[in-house]
PDB file of N, CA and C in Angstrom:
ATOM      1  N   MET A   1      67.200 -55.265  64.882  1.00  0.00           N
ATOM      2  CA  MET A   1      67.772 -53.928  64.840  1.00  0.00           C
ATOM      3  C   MET A   1      69.153 -53.939  64.167  1.00  0.00           C
ATOM      4  N   LYS A   2      70.006 -54.897  64.564  1.00  0.00           N
ATOM      5  CA  LYS A   2      71.329 -54.992  63.965  1.00  0.00           C
ATOM      6  C   LYS A   2      71.228 -55.286  62.473  1.00  0.00           C
ATOM      7  N   ARG A   3      70.246 -56.111  62.116  1.00  0.00           N
ATOM      8  CA  ARG A   3      70.067 -56.465  60.705  1.00  0.00           C
ATOM      9  C   ARG A   3      69.653 -55.225  59.911  1.00  0.00           C
ATOM     10  N   SER A   4      68.820 -54.393  60.481  1.00  0.00           N
ATOM     11  CA  SER A   4      68.375 -53.173  59.802  1.00  0.00           C
ATOM     12  C   SER A   4      69.542 -52.215  59.580  1.00  0.00           C
ATOM     13  N   ILE A   5      70.394 -52.095  60.570  1.00  0.00           N
ATOM     14  CA  ILE A   5      71.565 -51.221  60.442  1.00  0.00           C
ATOM     15  C   ILE A   5      72.516 -51.769  59.380  1.00  0.00           C
ATOM     16  N   SER A   6      72.725 -53.072  59.379  1.00  0.00           N
ATOM     17  CA  SER A   6      73.598 -53.692  58.386  1.00  0.00           C
ATOM     18  C   SER A   6      73.056 -53.495  56.979  1.00  0.00           C
ATOM     19  N   LEU A   7      71.775 -53.690  56.819  1.00  0.00           N
ATOM     20  CA  LEU A   7      71.141 -53.510  55.520  1.00  0.00           C
ATOM     21  C   LEU A   7      71.258 -52.056  55.060  1.00  0.00           C
ATOM     22  N   PHE A   8      71.047 -51.145  55.986  1.00  0.00           N
ATOM     23  CA  PHE A   8      71.181 -49.720  55.688  1.00  0.00           C
ATOM     24  C   PHE A   8      72.589 -49.409  55.194  1.00  0.00           C
ATOM     25  N   LEU A   9      73.583 -49.906  55.895  1.00  0.00           N
ATOM     26  CA  LEU A   9      74.970 -49.646  55.516  1.00  0.00           C
ATOM     27  C   LEU A   9      75.298 -50.225  54.142  1.00  0.00           C
ATOM     28  N   ILE A  10      74.811 -51.413  53.878  1.00  0.00           N
ATOM     29  CA  ILE A  10      75.072 -52.047  52.588  1.00  0.00           C
ATOM     30  C   ILE A  10      74.425 -51.264  51.458  1.00  0.00           C
ATOM     31  N   ILE A  11      73.180 -50.876  51.637  1.00  0.00           N
ATOM     32  CA  ILE A  11      72.446 -50.181  50.579  1.00  0.00           C
ATOM     33  C   ILE A  11      73.007 -48.792  50.310  1.00  0.00           C
ATOM     34  N   PHE A  12      73.315 -48.049  51.356  1.00  0.00           N
ATOM     35  CA  PHE A  12      73.712 -46.655  51.168  1.00  0.00           C
ATOM     36  C   PHE A  12      75.211 -46.414  51.043  1.00  0.00           C
ATOM     37  N   LEU A  13      75.999 -47.313  51.550  1.00  0.00           N
ATOM     38  CA  LEU A  13      77.442 -47.102  51.470  1.00  0.00           C
ATOM     39  C   LEU A  13      78.111 -47.868  50.341  1.00  0.00           C
ATOM     40  N   SER A  14      77.521 -48.945  49.865  1.00  0.00           N
ATOM     41  CA  SER A  14      78.165 -49.729  48.809  1.00  0.00           C
ATOM     42  C   SER A  14      78.394 -48.943  47.527  1.00  0.00           C
ATOM     43  N   PRO A  15      77.486 -48.036  47.115  1.00  0.00           N
ATOM     44  CA  PRO A  15      77.801 -47.250  45.912  1.00  0.00           C
ATOM     45  C   PRO A  15      79.060 -46.404  46.063  1.00  0.00           C
ATOM     46  N   LEU A  16      79.348 -45.951  47.252  1.00  0.00           N
ATOM     47  CA  LEU A  16      80.557 -45.166  47.467  1.00  0.00           C
ATOM     48  C   LEU A  16      81.804 -45.999  47.206  1.00  0.00           C
ATOM     49  N   PHE A  17      81.784 -47.236  47.646  1.00  0.00           N
ATOM     50  CA  PHE A  17      82.947 -48.093  47.488  1.00  0.00           C
ATOM     51  C   PHE A  17      83.062 -48.654  46.080  1.00  0.00           C
ATOM     52  N   SER A  18      81.949 -48.911  45.436  1.00  0.00           N
ATOM     53  CA  SER A  18      82.019 -49.489  44.097  1.00  0.00           C
ATOM     54  C   SER A  18      82.594 -48.498  43.093  1.00  0.00           C
ATOM     55  N   LYS A  19      82.404 -47.206  43.301  1.00  0.00           N
ATOM     56  CA  LYS A  19      82.950 -46.220  42.383  1.00  0.00           C
ATOM     57  C   LYS A  19      84.458 -46.070  42.540  1.00  0.00           C
ATOM     58  N   THR A  20      84.966 -46.309  43.721  1.00  0.00           N
ATOM     59  CA  THR A  20      86.393 -46.138  43.940  1.00  0.00           C
ATOM     60  C   THR A  20      87.148 -47.456  43.880  1.00  0.00           C
ATOM     61  N   ALA A  21      86.440 -48.559  43.982  1.00  0.00           N
ATOM     62  CA  ALA A  21      87.106 -49.850  43.954  1.00  0.00           C
ATOM     63  C   ALA A  21      87.658 -50.113  42.558  1.00  0.00           C
ATOM     64  N   SER A  22      88.835 -50.678  42.520  1.00  0.00           N
ATOM     65  CA  SER A  22      89.465 -50.946  41.241  1.00  0.00           C
ATOM     66  C   SER A  22      90.264 -52.232  41.343  1.00  0.00           C
ATOM     67  N   THR A  23      90.321 -52.905  40.233  1.00  0.00           N
ATOM     68  CA  THR A  23      91.182 -54.078  40.160  1.00  0.00           C
ATOM     69  C   THR A  23      92.403 -53.770  39.308  1.00  0.00           C
ATOM     70  N   ALA A  24      92.567 -52.505  38.965  1.00  0.00           N
ATOM     71  CA  ALA A  24      93.708 -52.096  38.150  1.00  0.00           C
ATOM     72  C   ALA A  24      94.995 -52.184  38.955  1.00  0.00           C
ATOM     73  N   GLU A  25      96.066 -52.461  38.229  1.00  0.00           N
ATOM     74  CA  GLU A  25      97.389 -52.545  38.833  1.00  0.00           C
ATOM     75  C   GLU A  25      98.387 -52.003  37.809  1.00  0.00           C
ATOM     76  N   LEU A  26      99.369 -51.277  38.286  1.00  0.00           N
ATOM     77  CA  LEU A  26     100.410 -50.769  37.411  1.00  0.00           C
ATOM     78  C   LEU A  26     101.681 -51.560  37.679  1.00  0.00           C
ATOM     79  N   LEU A  27     102.172 -52.243  36.665  1.00  0.00           N
ATOM     80  CA  LEU A  27     103.424 -52.978  36.791  1.00  0.00           C
ATOM     81  C   LEU A  27     104.545 -52.098  36.266  1.00  0.00           C
ATOM     82  N   MET A  28     105.603 -52.000  37.036  1.00  0.00           N
ATOM     83  CA  MET A  28     106.796 -51.301  36.560  1.00  0.00           C
ATOM     84  C   MET A  28     107.859 -52.353  36.310  1.00  0.00           C
ATOM     85  N   VAL A  29     108.190 -52.545  35.043  1.00  0.00           N
ATOM     86  CA  VAL A  29     109.240 -53.483  34.679  1.00  0.00           C
ATOM     87  C   VAL A  29     110.559 -52.723  34.721  1.00  0.00           C
ATOM     88  N   GLU A  30     111.495 -53.246  35.490  1.00  0.00           N
ATOM     89  CA  GLU A  30     112.774 -52.569  35.701  1.00  0.00           C
ATOM     90  C   GLU A  30     113.916 -53.556  35.545  1.00  0.00           C
ATOM     91  N   GLN A  31     115.130 -53.031  35.575  1.00  0.00           N
ATOM     92  CA  GLN A  31     116.305 -53.897  35.584  1.00  0.00           C
ATOM     93  C   GLN A  31     117.414 -53.210  36.357  1.00  0.00           C
ATOM     94  N   GLN A  32     118.308 -54.023  36.869  1.00  0.00           N
ATOM     95  CA  GLN A  32     119.423 -53.504  37.645  1.00  0.00           C
ATOM     96  C   GLN A  32     120.259 -52.565  36.783  1.00  0.00           C
ATOM     97  N   GLY A  33     120.613 -51.417  37.356  1.00  0.00           N
ATOM     98  CA  GLY A  33     121.442 -50.456  36.662  1.00  0.00           C
ATOM     99  C   GLY A  33     120.684 -49.515  35.740  1.00  0.00           C
ATOM    100  N   CYS A  34     119.366 -49.616  35.703  1.00  0.00           N
ATOM    101  CA  CYS A  34     118.547 -48.756  34.839  1.00  0.00           C
ATOM    102  C   CYS A  34     118.465 -47.357  35.456  1.00  0.00           C
ATOM    103  N   TYR A  35     119.092 -46.390  34.789  1.00  0.00           N
ATOM    104  CA  TYR A  35     119.142 -45.025  35.298  1.00  0.00           C
ATOM    105  C   TYR A  35     117.735 -44.430  35.450  1.00  0.00           C
ATOM    106  N   TYR A  36     116.886 -44.610  34.436  1.00  0.00           N
ATOM    107  CA  TYR A  36     115.549 -44.018  34.471  1.00  0.00           C
ATOM    108  C   TYR A  36     114.635 -44.707  35.483  1.00  0.00           C
ATOM    109  N   CYS A  37     114.893 -45.965  35.760  1.00  0.00           N
ATOM    110  CA  CYS A  37     114.153 -46.665  36.827  1.00  0.00           C
ATOM    111  C   CYS A  37     114.474 -46.016  38.169  1.00  0.00           C
ATOM    112  N   LEU A  38     115.752 -45.747  38.382  1.00  0.00           N
ATOM    113  CA  LEU A  38     116.180 -45.101  39.624  1.00  0.00           C
ATOM    114  C   LEU A  38     115.627 -43.681  39.730  1.00  0.00           C
ATOM    115  N   GLU A  39     115.603 -42.968  38.605  1.00  0.00           N
ATOM    116  CA  GLU A  39     115.023 -41.621  38.586  1.00  0.00           C
ATOM    117  C   GLU A  39     113.557 -41.663  38.998  1.00  0.00           C
ATOM    118  N   TRP A  40     112.807 -42.616  38.420  1.00  0.00           N
ATOM    119  CA  TRP A  40     111.390 -42.744  38.763  1.00  0.00           C
ATOM    120  C   TRP A  40     111.236 -43.032  40.252  1.00  0.00           C
ATOM    121  N   LYS A  41     112.022 -43.969  40.741  1.00  0.00           N
ATOM    122  CA  LYS A  41     111.925 -44.334  42.158  1.00  0.00           C
ATOM    123  C   LYS A  41     112.272 -43.167  43.071  1.00  0.00           C
ATOM    124  N   ASP A  42     113.189 -42.321  42.631  1.00  0.00           N
ATOM    125  CA  ASP A  42     113.587 -41.160  43.419  1.00  0.00           C
ATOM    126  C   ASP A  42     112.526 -40.056  43.361  1.00  0.00           C
ATOM    127  N   GLU A  43     112.028 -39.757  42.164  1.00  0.00           N
ATOM    128  CA  GLU A  43     111.101 -38.642  41.977  1.00  0.00           C
ATOM    129  C   GLU A  43     109.645 -38.988  42.271  1.00  0.00           C
ATOM    130  N   ILE A  44     109.208 -40.165  41.892  1.00  0.00           N
ATOM    131  CA  ILE A  44     107.793 -40.530  41.965  1.00  0.00           C
ATOM    132  C   ILE A  44     107.522 -41.584  43.037  1.00  0.00           C
ATOM    133  N   GLY A  45     108.442 -42.502  43.186  1.00  0.00           N
ATOM    134  CA  GLY A  45     108.252 -43.647  44.073  1.00  0.00           C
ATOM    135  C   GLY A  45     107.683 -43.340  45.448  1.00  0.00           C
ATOM    136  N   PRO A  46     108.252 -42.375  46.183  1.00  0.00           N
ATOM    137  CA  PRO A  46     107.747 -42.115  47.537  1.00  0.00           C
ATOM    138  C   PRO A  46     106.319 -41.564  47.583  1.00  0.00           C
ATOM    139  N   ILE A  47     105.901 -40.844  46.544  1.00  0.00           N
ATOM    140  CA  ILE A  47     104.570 -40.227  46.598  1.00  0.00           C
ATOM    141  C   ILE A  47     103.511 -41.013  45.842  1.00  0.00           C
ATOM    142  N   TYR A  48     103.918 -41.910  44.949  1.00  0.00           N
ATOM    143  CA  TYR A  48     102.943 -42.623  44.119  1.00  0.00           C
ATOM    144  C   TYR A  48     101.829 -43.290  44.932  1.00  0.00           C
ATOM    145  N   PRO A  49     102.140 -44.048  45.972  1.00  0.00           N
ATOM    146  CA  PRO A  49     101.060 -44.726  46.717  1.00  0.00           C
ATOM    147  C   PRO A  49     100.069 -43.773  47.384  1.00  0.00           C
ATOM    148  N   LYS A  50     100.461 -42.518  47.579  1.00  0.00           N
ATOM    149  CA  LYS A  50      99.610 -41.545  48.258  1.00  0.00           C
ATOM    150  C   LYS A  50      98.701 -40.782  47.292  1.00  0.00           C
ATOM    151  N   THR A  51      98.909 -40.945  45.998  1.00  0.00           N
ATOM    152  CA  THR A  51      98.153 -40.197  44.999  1.00  0.00           C
ATOM    153  C   THR A  51      96.867 -40.925  44.612  1.00  0.00           C
ATOM    154  N   GLU A  52      95.970 -40.196  43.950  1.00  0.00           N
ATOM    155  CA  GLU A  52      94.746 -40.812  43.424  1.00  0.00           C
ATOM    156  C   GLU A  52      95.090 -41.972  42.500  1.00  0.00           C
ATOM    157  N   GLU A  53      96.068 -41.739  41.625  1.00  0.00           N
ATOM    158  CA  GLU A  53      96.473 -42.758  40.672  1.00  0.00           C
ATOM    159  C   GLU A  53      97.040 -43.983  41.386  1.00  0.00           C
ATOM    160  N   GLY A  54      97.861 -43.746  42.390  1.00  0.00           N
ATOM    161  CA  GLY A  54      98.474 -44.845  43.130  1.00  0.00           C
ATOM    162  C   GLY A  54      97.486 -45.651  43.939  1.00  0.00           C
ATOM    163  N   LYS A  55      96.465 -45.008  44.434  1.00  0.00           N
ATOM    164  CA  LYS A  55      95.418 -45.726  45.174  1.00  0.00           C
ATOM    165  C   LYS A  55      94.528 -46.509  44.221  1.00  0.00           C
ATOM    166  N   PHE A  56      94.297 -45.946  43.043  1.00  0.00           N
ATOM    167  CA  PHE A  56      93.453 -46.605  42.050  1.00  0.00           C
ATOM    168  C   PHE A  56      94.175 -47.791  41.407  1.00  0.00           C
ATOM    169  N   ALA A  57      95.447 -47.597  41.082  1.00  0.00           N
ATOM    170  CA  ALA A  57      96.249 -48.635  40.424  1.00  0.00           C
ATOM    171  C   ALA A  57      97.567 -48.801  41.181  1.00  0.00           C
ATOM    172  N   PRO A  58      97.547 -49.575  42.259  1.00  0.00           N
ATOM    173  CA  PRO A  58      98.778 -49.783  43.036  1.00  0.00           C
ATOM    174  C   PRO A  58      99.896 -50.338  42.142  1.00  0.00           C
ATOM    175  N   ILE A  59     101.110 -49.983  42.498  1.00  0.00           N
ATOM    176  CA  ILE A  59     102.241 -50.391  41.663  1.00  0.00           C
ATOM    177  C   ILE A  59     102.871 -51.675  42.183  1.00  0.00           C
ATOM    178  N   LYS A  60     103.346 -52.447  41.242  1.00  0.00           N
ATOM    179  CA  LYS A  60     104.068 -53.676  41.552  1.00  0.00           C
ATOM    180  C   LYS A  60     105.331 -53.655  40.698  1.00  0.00           C
ATOM    181  N   PHE A  61     106.473 -53.887  41.317  1.00  0.00           N
ATOM    182  CA  PHE A  61     107.751 -53.861  40.613  1.00  0.00           C
ATOM    183  C   PHE A  61     108.120 -55.269  40.176  1.00  0.00           C
ATOM    184  N   ILE A  62     108.612 -55.363  38.963  1.00  0.00           N
ATOM    185  CA  ILE A  62     109.000 -56.666  38.445  1.00  0.00           C
ATOM    186  C   ILE A  62     110.280 -56.508  37.633  1.00  0.00           C
ATOM    187  N   ASP A  63     111.193 -57.425  37.797  1.00  0.00           N
ATOM    188  CA  ASP A  63     112.444 -57.396  37.048  1.00  0.00           C
ATOM    189  C   ASP A  63     112.200 -57.899  35.633  1.00  0.00           C
ATOM    190  N   ILE A  64     112.909 -57.312  34.683  1.00  0.00           N
ATOM    191  CA  ILE A  64     112.707 -57.679  33.280  1.00  0.00           C
ATOM    192  C   ILE A  64     112.998 -59.155  33.020  1.00  0.00           C
ATOM    193  N   THR A  65     113.835 -59.766  33.858  1.00  0.00           N
ATOM    194  CA  THR A  65     114.140 -61.192  33.686  1.00  0.00           C
ATOM    195  C   THR A  65     112.963 -62.078  34.073  1.00  0.00           C
ATOM    196  N   GLU A  66     111.983 -61.528  34.782  1.00  0.00           N
ATOM    197  CA  GLU A  66     110.814 -62.297  35.214  1.00  0.00           C
ATOM    198  C   GLU A  66     109.573 -61.988  34.383  1.00  0.00           C
ATOM    199  N   VAL A  67     109.728 -61.177  33.347  1.00  0.00           N
ATOM    200  CA  VAL A  67     108.581 -60.719  32.572  1.00  0.00           C
ATOM    201  C   VAL A  67     107.885 -61.859  31.819  1.00  0.00           C
ATOM    202  N   ASP A  68     108.624 -62.888  31.457  1.00  0.00           N
ATOM    203  CA  ASP A  68     108.023 -64.017  30.738  1.00  0.00           C
ATOM    204  C   ASP A  68     106.988 -64.759  31.576  1.00  0.00           C
ATOM    205  N   GLU A  69     107.044 -64.563  32.884  1.00  0.00           N
ATOM    206  CA  GLU A  69     106.109 -65.238  33.784  1.00  0.00           C
ATOM    207  C   GLU A  69     104.766 -64.511  33.899  1.00  0.00           C
ATOM    208  N   ILE A  70     104.662 -63.335  33.279  1.00  0.00           N
ATOM    209  CA  ILE A  70     103.437 -62.536  33.367  1.00  0.00           C
ATOM    210  C   ILE A  70     102.489 -62.935  32.247  1.00  0.00           C
ATOM    211  N   ALA A  71     101.334 -63.425  32.619  1.00  0.00           N
ATOM    212  CA  ALA A  71     100.311 -63.767  31.628  1.00  0.00           C
ATOM    213  C   ALA A  71      99.540 -62.507  31.255  1.00  0.00           C
ATOM    214  N   GLY A  72      99.108 -62.429  30.029  1.00  0.00           N
ATOM    215  CA  GLY A  72      98.260 -61.332  29.602  1.00  0.00           C
ATOM    216  C   GLY A  72      98.962 -60.183  28.921  1.00  0.00           C
ATOM    217  N   LEU A  73     100.266 -60.289  28.702  1.00  0.00           N
ATOM    218  CA  LEU A  73     100.991 -59.220  28.005  1.00  0.00           C
ATOM    219  C   LEU A  73     100.613 -59.216  26.527  1.00  0.00           C
ATOM    220  N   GLN A  74     100.472 -58.029  25.963  1.00  0.00           N
ATOM    221  CA  GLN A  74     100.140 -57.913  24.547  1.00  0.00           C
ATOM    222  C   GLN A  74     101.368 -58.059  23.657  1.00  0.00           C
ATOM    223  N   ARG A  75     102.537 -57.690  24.172  1.00  0.00           N
ATOM    224  CA  ARG A  75     103.787 -57.814  23.414  1.00  0.00           C
ATOM    225  C   ARG A  75     104.961 -57.856  24.390  1.00  0.00           C
ATOM    226  N   ASP A  76     106.128 -58.150  23.862  1.00  0.00           N
ATOM    227  CA  ASP A  76     107.330 -58.243  24.686  1.00  0.00           C
ATOM    228  C   ASP A  76     107.691 -56.898  25.306  1.00  0.00           C
ATOM    229  N   VAL A  77     108.341 -56.965  26.445  1.00  0.00           N
ATOM    230  CA  VAL A  77     108.884 -55.774  27.083  1.00  0.00           C
ATOM    231  C   VAL A  77     110.340 -55.665  26.655  1.00  0.00           C
ATOM    232  N   VAL A  78     110.693 -54.523  26.070  1.00  0.00           N
ATOM    233  CA  VAL A  78     112.038 -54.323  25.544  1.00  0.00           C
ATOM    234  C   VAL A  78     112.797 -53.279  26.345  1.00  0.00           C
ATOM    235  N   PHE A  79     112.085 -52.223  26.783  1.00  0.00           N
ATOM    236  CA  PHE A  79     112.714 -51.093  27.460  1.00  0.00           C
ATOM    237  C   PHE A  79     112.385 -51.093  28.952  1.00  0.00           C
ATOM    238  N   THR A  80     113.305 -50.515  29.728  1.00  0.00           N
ATOM    239  CA  THR A  80     113.011 -50.274  31.140  1.00  0.00           C
ATOM    240  C   THR A  80     113.250 -48.803  31.423  1.00  0.00           C
ATOM    241  N   PRO A  81     112.420 -48.217  32.242  1.00  0.00           N
ATOM    242  CA  PRO A  81     111.224 -48.839  32.793  1.00  0.00           C
ATOM    243  C   PRO A  81     110.094 -48.889  31.766  1.00  0.00           C
ATOM    244  N   THR A  82     109.257 -49.894  31.908  1.00  0.00           N
ATOM    245  CA  THR A  82     108.004 -49.976  31.169  1.00  0.00           C
ATOM    246  C   THR A  82     106.912 -50.103  32.209  1.00  0.00           C
ATOM    247  N   PHE A  83     105.913 -49.241  32.094  1.00  0.00           N
ATOM    248  CA  PHE A  83     104.776 -49.238  33.010  1.00  0.00           C
ATOM    249  C   PHE A  83     103.598 -49.864  32.282  1.00  0.00           C
ATOM    250  N   ILE A  84     103.087 -50.963  32.818  1.00  0.00           N
ATOM    251  CA  ILE A  84     102.012 -51.694  32.160  1.00  0.00           C
ATOM    252  C   ILE A  84     100.773 -51.649  33.055  1.00  0.00           C
ATOM    253  N   LEU A  85      99.693 -51.146  32.497  1.00  0.00           N
ATOM    254  CA  LEU A  85      98.423 -51.087  33.212  1.00  0.00           C
ATOM    255  C   LEU A  85      97.690 -52.396  32.992  1.00  0.00           C
ATOM    256  N   PHE A  86      97.405 -53.081  34.098  1.00  0.00           N
ATOM    257  CA  PHE A  86      96.722 -54.370  34.066  1.00  0.00           C
ATOM    258  C   PHE A  86      95.394 -54.253  34.789  1.00  0.00           C
ATOM    259  N   GLU A  87      94.434 -55.006  34.302  1.00  0.00           N
ATOM    260  CA  GLU A  87      93.175 -55.165  35.019  1.00  0.00           C
ATOM    261  C   GLU A  87      92.667 -56.564  34.708  1.00  0.00           C
ATOM    262  N   LYS A  88      92.398 -57.315  35.755  1.00  0.00           N
ATOM    263  CA  LYS A  88      91.920 -58.697  35.617  1.00  0.00           C
ATOM    264  C   LYS A  88      92.843 -59.522  34.718  1.00  0.00           C
ATOM    265  N   GLU A  89      94.134 -59.400  34.957  1.00  0.00           N
ATOM    266  CA  GLU A  89      95.176 -60.155  34.262  1.00  0.00           C
ATOM    267  C   GLU A  89      95.230 -59.896  32.761  1.00  0.00           C
ATOM    268  N   ASN A  90      94.783 -58.713  32.343  1.00  0.00           N
ATOM    269  CA  ASN A  90      94.864 -58.314  30.936  1.00  0.00           C
ATOM    270  C   ASN A  90      95.575 -56.977  30.836  1.00  0.00           C
ATOM    271  N   GLU A  91      96.516 -56.890  29.915  1.00  0.00           N
ATOM    272  CA  GLU A  91      97.182 -55.619  29.676  1.00  0.00           C
ATOM    273  C   GLU A  91      96.211 -54.666  28.992  1.00  0.00           C
ATOM    274  N   LEU A  92      96.066 -53.488  29.566  1.00  0.00           N
ATOM    275  CA  LEU A  92      95.195 -52.476  28.984  1.00  0.00           C
ATOM    276  C   LEU A  92      95.988 -51.445  28.188  1.00  0.00           C
ATOM    277  N   ALA A  93      97.154 -51.074  28.702  1.00  0.00           N
ATOM    278  CA  ALA A  93      97.979 -50.050  28.065  1.00  0.00           C
ATOM    279  C   ALA A  93      99.369 -50.098  28.677  1.00  0.00           C
ATOM    280  N   ARG A  94     100.297 -49.410  28.037  1.00  0.00           N
ATOM    281  CA  ARG A  94     101.646 -49.332  28.590  1.00  0.00           C
ATOM    282  C   ARG A  94     102.309 -48.018  28.230  1.00  0.00           C
ATOM    283  N   LEU A  95     103.242 -47.671  29.061  1.00  0.00           N
ATOM    284  CA  LEU A  95     104.073 -46.485  28.867  1.00  0.00           C
ATOM    285  C   LEU A  95     105.515 -46.970  28.911  1.00  0.00           C
ATOM    286  N   GLU A  96     106.218 -46.810  27.808  1.00  0.00           N
ATOM    287  CA  GLU A  96     107.595 -47.275  27.729  1.00  0.00           C
ATOM    288  C   GLU A  96     108.533 -46.111  27.994  1.00  0.00           C
ATOM    289  N   GLY A  97     109.405 -46.289  28.974  1.00  0.00           N
ATOM    290  CA  GLY A  97     110.349 -45.247  29.347  1.00  0.00           C
ATOM    291  C   GLY A  97     109.779 -44.343  30.426  1.00  0.00           C
ATOM    292  N   TYR A  98     110.624 -43.483  30.928  1.00  0.00           N
ATOM    293  CA  TYR A  98     110.226 -42.505  31.939  1.00  0.00           C
ATOM    294  C   TYR A  98     110.520 -41.120  31.385  1.00  0.00           C
ATOM    295  N   PRO A  99     109.474 -40.365  31.016  1.00  0.00           N
ATOM    296  CA  PRO A  99     109.665 -39.070  30.375  1.00  0.00           C
ATOM    297  C   PRO A  99     109.889 -37.903  31.331  1.00  0.00           C
ATOM    298  N   GLY A 100     110.069 -38.184  32.606  1.00  0.00           N
ATOM    299  CA  GLY A 100     110.202 -37.135  33.607  1.00  0.00           C
ATOM    300  C   GLY A 100     108.909 -36.973  34.384  1.00  0.00           C
ATOM    301  N   GLU A 101     109.029 -36.351  35.541  1.00  0.00           N
ATOM    302  CA  GLU A 101     107.915 -36.261  36.478  1.00  0.00           C
ATOM    303  C   GLU A 101     106.661 -35.614  35.881  1.00  0.00           C
ATOM    304  N   ASP A 102     106.797 -34.468  35.250  1.00  0.00           N
ATOM    305  CA  ASP A 102     105.626 -33.756  34.737  1.00  0.00           C
ATOM    306  C   ASP A 102     104.894 -34.548  33.662  1.00  0.00           C
ATOM    307  N   PHE A 103     105.634 -35.068  32.707  1.00  0.00           N
ATOM    308  CA  PHE A 103     105.008 -35.832  31.633  1.00  0.00           C
ATOM    309  C   PHE A 103     104.455 -37.160  32.129  1.00  0.00           C
ATOM    310  N   PHE A 104     105.136 -37.785  33.093  1.00  0.00           N
ATOM    311  CA  PHE A 104     104.670 -39.071  33.606  1.00  0.00           C
ATOM    312  C   PHE A 104     103.254 -38.960  34.148  1.00  0.00           C
ATOM    313  N   TRP A 105     103.020 -37.963  34.998  1.00  0.00           N
ATOM    314  CA  TRP A 105     101.695 -37.830  35.619  1.00  0.00           C
ATOM    315  C   TRP A 105     100.618 -37.603  34.571  1.00  0.00           C
ATOM    316  N   ALA A 106     100.895 -36.748  33.597  1.00  0.00           N
ATOM    317  CA  ALA A 106      99.905 -36.456  32.556  1.00  0.00           C
ATOM    318  C   ALA A 106      99.609 -37.698  31.716  1.00  0.00           C
ATOM    319  N   LEU A 107     100.643 -38.429  31.336  1.00  0.00           N
ATOM    320  CA  LEU A 107     100.450 -39.626  30.534  1.00  0.00           C
ATOM    321  C   LEU A 107      99.735 -40.728  31.311  1.00  0.00           C
ATOM    322  N   LEU A 108     100.103 -40.875  32.574  1.00  0.00           N
ATOM    323  CA  LEU A 108      99.452 -41.891  33.404  1.00  0.00           C
ATOM    324  C   LEU A 108      97.974 -41.567  33.593  1.00  0.00           C
ATOM    325  N   GLU A 109      97.666 -40.317  33.881  1.00  0.00           N
ATOM    326  CA  GLU A 109      96.269 -39.917  34.067  1.00  0.00           C
ATOM    327  C   GLU A 109      95.455 -40.187  32.806  1.00  0.00           C
ATOM    328  N   LYS A 110      96.010 -39.810  31.670  1.00  0.00           N
ATOM    329  CA  LYS A 110      95.320 -40.030  30.394  1.00  0.00           C
ATOM    330  C   LYS A 110      95.102 -41.520  30.146  1.00  0.00           C
ATOM    331  N   MET A 111      96.108 -42.332  30.440  1.00  0.00           N
ATOM    332  CA  MET A 111      96.019 -43.775  30.251  1.00  0.00           C
ATOM    333  C   MET A 111      94.947 -44.381  31.157  1.00  0.00           C
ATOM    334  N   LEU A 112      94.935 -43.972  32.420  1.00  0.00           N
ATOM    335  CA  LEU A 112      93.951 -44.494  33.363  1.00  0.00           C
ATOM    336  C   LEU A 112      92.534 -44.090  32.975  1.00  0.00           C
ATOM    337  N   GLU A 113      92.353 -42.846  32.577  1.00  0.00           N
ATOM    338  CA  GLU A 113      91.014 -42.378  32.207  1.00  0.00           C
ATOM    339  C   GLU A 113      90.511 -43.044  30.929  1.00  0.00           C
ATOM    340  N   LYS A 114      91.399 -43.308  30.000  1.00  0.00           N
ATOM    341  CA  LYS A 114      90.994 -43.940  28.743  1.00  0.00           C
ATOM    342  C   LYS A 114      90.670 -45.418  28.917  1.00  0.00           C
ATOM    343  N   GLU A 115      91.439 -46.110  29.738  1.00  0.00           N
ATOM    344  CA  GLU A 115      91.340 -47.572  29.806  1.00  0.00           C
ATOM    345  C   GLU A 115      90.547 -48.107  30.993  1.00  0.00           C
ATOM    346  N   THR A 116      90.255 -47.271  31.982  1.00  0.00           N
ATOM    347  CA  THR A 116      89.535 -47.725  33.177  1.00  0.00           C
ATOM    348  C   THR A 116      88.443 -46.721  33.525  1.00  0.00           C
ATOM    349  N   ASN A 117      87.829 -46.904  34.672  1.00  0.00           N
ATOM    350  CA  ASN A 117      86.803 -45.955  35.128  1.00  0.00           C
ATOM    351  C   ASN A 117      87.395 -44.870  36.032  1.00  0.00           C
ATOM    352  N   PHE A 118      88.696 -44.661  35.964  1.00  0.00           N
ATOM    353  CA  PHE A 118      89.377 -43.642  36.756  1.00  0.00           C
ATOM    354  C   PHE A 118      88.975 -42.245  36.285  1.00  0.00           C
ATOM    355  N   LYS A 119      88.664 -41.396  37.226  1.00  0.00           N
ATOM    356  CA  LYS A 119      88.370 -39.983  36.943  1.00  0.00           C
ATOM    357  C   LYS A 119      89.202 -39.144  37.894  1.00  0.00           C
ATOM    358  N   ALA A 120      90.120 -38.374  37.348  1.00  0.00           N
ATOM    359  CA  ALA A 120      90.989 -37.533  38.161  1.00  0.00           C
ATOM    360  C   ALA A 120      90.201 -36.346  38.675  1.00  0.00           C
ATOM    361  N   THR A 121      90.500 -35.941  39.879  1.00  0.00           N
ATOM    362  CA  THR A 121      89.901 -34.733  40.445  1.00  0.00           C
ATOM    363  C   THR A 121      90.996 -33.675  40.460  1.00  0.00           C
ATOM    364  N   THR A 122      91.028 -32.867  39.423  1.00  0.00           N
ATOM    365  CA  THR A 122      92.052 -31.833  39.308  1.00  0.00           C
ATOM    366  C   THR A 122      91.505 -30.510  39.798  1.00  0.00           C
ATOM    367  N   ASN A 123      92.399 -29.656  40.191  1.00  0.00           N
ATOM    368  CA  ASN A 123      92.028 -28.315  40.669  1.00  0.00           C
ATOM    369  C   ASN A 123      92.104 -27.331  39.507  1.00  0.00           C
ATOM    370  N   ALA A 124      91.233 -27.483  38.548  1.00  0.00           N
ATOM    371  CA  ALA A 124      91.226 -26.576  37.389  1.00  0.00           C
ATOM    372  C   ALA A 124      90.607 -25.243  37.794  1.00  0.00           C
ATOM    373  N   GLU A 125      91.249 -24.165  37.375  1.00  0.00           N
ATOM    374  CA  GLU A 125      90.712 -22.830  37.694  1.00  0.00           C
ATOM    375  C   GLU A 125      90.241 -22.147  36.443  1.00  0.00           C
TER     376      GLU A 125
END
């Protein structure tokens, strides 16, 4: 009986998890004294983990002095903040700079949808 229930759960619930499961990660390269890094942390930082994007691609902060230790970068990081979308230790895309809250969300959504299996659920009317 327990085996039947386990099999049922695996067969019927696994598709739900496979569609939402992601190995994507968003790296934010920052440096001390970076005004736009602080702006991002103030405006976006507290809510990012609670959003669809934040759940799909959790953020990891890294100092620009440690960027050489990251394998899989396509090119050098010059500006802070730089947001790098990674999946399976490969850079998929990046956003250099912080264009403000409204533009950030739109650019991030577009980047995630283009480079991963992320699909935003927007309230379009």
